[in-house]
Amino acid sequence: FFTVFSSQLLANSDFYTGAFPAEYGNALAGVFDMKLRNGNNEKREYTLQAGLMGVDISSEGPFVKGKRPTYLFNYRFSSFALLANLGIIPFEQMPIFQDFSFKLNLPTQKAGTFALWGIGAIDSYTEPYVLDSTKWETDRNRKKYDWKMNTGVVGLTHKLITGKRTYIKTTLAASGIYNKR
C-alpha cells in the first residue's frame, strides 16, 4: 500500500520511456531511476514526523565534523500498527508496515566516491473472516488470510570521474523478497 522510498531520502529521480541513455543498457518499456541523496556534510540533523500514515525518524550528517563522508538513515513505522497495539483499532484490515533506509557516502581523494546504501521493509495485512455463513454478504467474507511481505536491497556503488565529461560508475547490489499469503 505504501512505497518503501521515504521522501526524507529521495533526491531528484529520473523516469524514462522509449529511448534510454546508454547507462541503462537494454531496458524495455521504462526506467525509473530512484536516487538517494547524500547526508548533510556540514552538520548533523534529526527529523521526527508523525502523521496519518506513520511515524518517520531520520538522521543525517557527517561522520566526523568537517570531514566529507556522510550518513543518512530513515526509519518509518505505521500509525495503524501503533493504534492497533494500543487497542484503539483492530489489527484486521489494517496495513501494518515498517521500513528502514540508509546511505553512507564515502568520498576519497583519488579513488572516487563509494556509497553503501540499502532499503528494507516488513509489511503485513490480515483479512478476517465471518464464521456465521448467514452473515456472508460476499464471497470474500468466508475467507481469511494473512499476507506477509518482506523486501530488502543492499548495494555498493563506486563512481570515478575520469575526465571533464566522463566517469565510470559501478554498482553491486543484492536483493531479496518474501511474499506469503
Protein backbone atom coordinates (compact mmCIF):
# COMPACT_ATOMS: atom_id res chain seq x y z
CA PHE A 1 0.00 0.00 0.00
CA PHE A 2 2.91 2.33 0.66
CA THR A 3 6.21 2.95 -1.04
CA VAL A 4 9.43 1.98 0.74
CA PHE A 5 11.05 5.16 -0.54
CA SER A 6 10.82 7.80 2.17
CA SER A 7 10.73 11.39 1.00
CA GLN A 8 13.45 12.05 3.61
CA LEU A 9 15.96 10.11 1.46
CA LEU A 10 14.97 10.82 -2.13
CA ALA A 11 16.98 13.07 -4.41
CA ASN A 12 15.97 14.05 -7.94
CA SER A 13 14.95 10.85 -9.70
CA ASP A 14 14.51 10.17 -13.41
CA PHE A 15 11.74 8.39 -15.31
CA TYR A 16 12.41 7.35 -18.90
CA THR A 17 10.17 5.81 -21.53
CA GLY A 18 11.12 4.97 -25.09
CA ALA A 19 14.79 5.61 -25.83
CA PHE A 20 17.16 5.33 -22.87
CA PRO A 21 20.59 6.75 -22.13
CA ALA A 22 23.40 4.21 -22.57
CA GLU A 23 23.79 3.69 -18.81
CA TYR A 24 20.50 1.73 -18.72
CA GLY A 25 21.54 -0.88 -21.31
CA ASN A 26 18.82 -2.96 -22.94
CA ALA A 27 15.94 -1.77 -20.76
CA LEU A 28 12.47 -2.38 -22.13
CA ALA A 29 9.38 -0.18 -21.70
CA GLY A 30 10.53 2.17 -18.93
CA VAL A 31 13.16 3.01 -16.35
CA PHE A 32 12.53 4.69 -13.00
CA ASP A 33 15.93 5.64 -11.64
CA MET A 34 15.40 6.35 -7.93
CA LYS A 35 18.29 8.30 -6.44
CA LEU A 36 19.03 8.57 -2.73
CA ARG A 37 20.54 11.86 -1.62
CA ASN A 38 23.71 12.23 0.41
CA GLY A 39 23.54 13.27 4.04
CA ASN A 40 24.30 16.84 5.10
CA ASN A 41 28.11 17.21 5.09
CA GLU A 42 28.17 20.33 7.30
CA LYS A 43 26.14 19.44 10.40
CA ARG A 44 24.06 16.68 11.95
CA GLU A 45 20.30 16.94 11.59
CA TYR A 46 17.47 14.90 13.09
CA THR A 47 13.84 14.71 11.98
CA LEU A 48 10.78 13.24 13.68
CA GLN A 49 7.47 13.32 11.80
CA ALA A 50 4.14 11.81 12.82
CA GLY A 51 1.16 11.64 10.54
CA LEU A 52 -1.79 9.57 9.42
CA MET A 53 0.41 7.06 7.59
CA GLY A 54 3.16 6.66 10.13
CA VAL A 55 5.97 7.85 12.32
CA ASP A 56 9.12 8.81 10.44
CA ILE A 57 12.52 9.20 12.14
CA SER A 58 15.64 10.26 10.26
CA SER A 59 19.19 11.33 10.99
CA GLU A 60 21.93 12.67 8.74
CA GLY A 61 25.26 14.40 8.86
CA PRO A 62 29.00 13.97 8.62
CA PHE A 63 30.62 11.02 10.40
CA VAL A 64 33.21 13.47 11.73
CA LYS A 65 32.54 17.21 11.75
CA GLY A 66 34.48 18.95 8.98
CA LYS A 67 35.06 15.72 7.02
CA ARG A 68 33.39 14.73 3.72
CA PRO A 69 31.98 11.21 4.50
CA THR A 70 28.29 11.38 5.44
CA TYR A 71 25.47 9.17 6.64
CA LEU A 72 21.71 9.28 6.14
CA PHE A 73 19.27 6.96 7.97
CA ASN A 74 15.48 6.77 7.94
CA TYR A 75 13.04 4.52 9.83
CA ARG A 76 9.25 4.53 9.44
CA PHE A 77 6.60 2.67 11.42
CA SER A 78 2.92 2.53 10.56
CA SER A 79 0.47 4.67 12.56
CA PHE A 80 -2.08 1.90 12.12
CA ALA A 81 0.25 -0.53 13.92
CA LEU A 82 0.72 1.93 16.80
CA LEU A 83 -3.03 2.41 17.15
CA ALA A 84 -3.66 -1.34 16.91
CA ASN A 85 -1.00 -2.09 19.55
CA LEU A 86 -2.73 0.40 21.89
CA GLY A 87 -6.08 -1.37 21.30
CA ILE A 88 -7.66 1.71 19.70
CA ILE A 89 -8.35 -0.02 16.36
CA PRO A 90 -8.46 -3.73 15.43
CA PHE A 91 -5.48 -5.35 13.71
CA GLU A 92 -7.71 -6.76 10.97
CA GLN A 93 -7.80 -4.99 7.64
CA MET A 94 -5.04 -2.59 8.65
CA PRO A 95 -1.87 -2.35 6.60
CA ILE A 96 0.97 -2.75 9.10
CA PHE A 97 4.43 -1.74 7.88
CA GLN A 98 7.87 -0.65 8.88
CA ASP A 99 10.87 0.18 6.75
CA PHE A 100 14.48 1.26 7.11
CA SER A 101 16.68 3.03 4.55
CA PHE A 102 20.22 4.28 4.66
CA LYS A 103 23.04 5.71 2.57
CA LEU A 104 26.67 6.10 3.58
CA ASN A 105 28.56 8.40 1.22
CA LEU A 106 32.35 7.91 1.34
CA PRO A 107 34.30 10.21 -0.99
CA THR A 108 38.07 9.66 -1.31
CA GLN A 109 40.88 11.90 -2.57
CA LYS A 110 41.88 9.83 -5.63
CA ALA A 111 39.85 6.60 -5.72
CA GLY A 112 36.47 8.20 -6.41
CA THR A 113 33.34 8.07 -4.27
CA PHE A 114 31.92 4.95 -2.64
CA ALA A 115 28.35 4.71 -1.44
CA LEU A 116 26.88 1.92 0.67
CA TRP A 117 23.09 2.01 0.61
CA GLY A 118 20.08 -0.13 1.45
CA ILE A 119 16.32 -0.31 1.79
CA GLY A 120 14.32 -2.91 3.73
CA ALA A 121 10.64 -3.30 4.54
CA ILE A 122 8.39 -5.59 6.56
CA ASP A 123 4.67 -5.42 5.76
CA SER A 124 1.61 -7.42 6.80
CA TYR A 125 -2.10 -7.32 6.18
CA THR A 126 -4.75 -9.52 7.81
CA GLU A 127 -8.23 -10.11 6.41
CA PRO A 128 -10.67 -11.61 8.96
CA TYR A 129 -13.46 -13.96 8.01
CA VAL A 130 -17.05 -14.20 9.22
CA LEU A 131 -17.79 -17.54 10.92
CA ASP A 132 -21.58 -17.31 10.60
CA SER A 133 -22.38 -18.12 6.95
CA THR A 134 -25.77 -16.40 7.21
CA LYS A 135 -23.89 -13.10 7.56
CA TRP A 136 -21.80 -13.54 4.42
CA GLU A 137 -22.54 -10.68 2.07
CA THR A 138 -19.80 -11.50 -0.43
CA ASP A 139 -17.56 -14.47 -1.18
CA ARG A 140 -14.73 -12.58 0.49
CA ASN A 141 -16.49 -12.79 3.92
CA ARG A 142 -15.83 -16.54 4.14
CA LYS A 143 -12.12 -16.21 3.50
CA LYS A 144 -9.39 -15.37 5.96
CA TYR A 145 -5.83 -14.60 5.02
CA ASP A 146 -2.65 -13.27 6.44
CA TRP A 147 -0.35 -11.56 3.98
CA LYS A 148 3.31 -11.13 4.91
CA MET A 149 5.67 -9.22 2.62
CA ASN A 150 9.34 -8.53 3.27
CA THR A 151 11.77 -6.96 0.85
CA GLY A 152 15.33 -5.76 1.02
CA VAL A 153 18.07 -4.36 -1.17
CA VAL A 154 21.64 -3.51 -0.25
CA GLY A 155 24.25 -2.15 -2.62
CA LEU A 156 27.68 -0.67 -3.01
CA THR A 157 28.25 1.97 -5.69
CA HIS A 158 31.59 3.34 -6.86
CA LYS A 159 31.88 6.42 -9.07
CA LEU A 160 35.22 7.50 -10.51
CA ILE A 161 35.43 10.70 -12.55
CA THR A 162 37.85 10.11 -15.43
CA GLY A 163 37.56 13.39 -17.32
CA LYS A 164 35.57 16.61 -17.56
CA ARG A 165 32.58 14.79 -19.13
CA THR A 166 33.26 11.11 -18.41
CA TYR A 167 33.03 8.82 -15.43
CA ILE A 168 32.90 5.14 -14.57
CA LYS A 169 30.09 4.06 -12.28
CA THR A 170 29.89 0.52 -10.91
CA THR A 171 27.15 -0.86 -8.68
CA LEU A 172 27.00 -4.21 -6.93
CA ALA A 173 23.65 -4.99 -5.32
CA ALA A 174 21.79 -7.87 -3.74
CA SER A 175 18.04 -8.02 -3.27
CA GLY A 176 15.53 -10.37 -1.77
CA ILE A 177 11.80 -10.64 -1.37
CA TYR A 178 9.47 -12.78 0.73
CA ASN A 179 5.79 -12.80 -0.11
CA LYS A 180 3.41 -15.24 1.60
CA ARG A 181 -0.37 -15.08 1.53
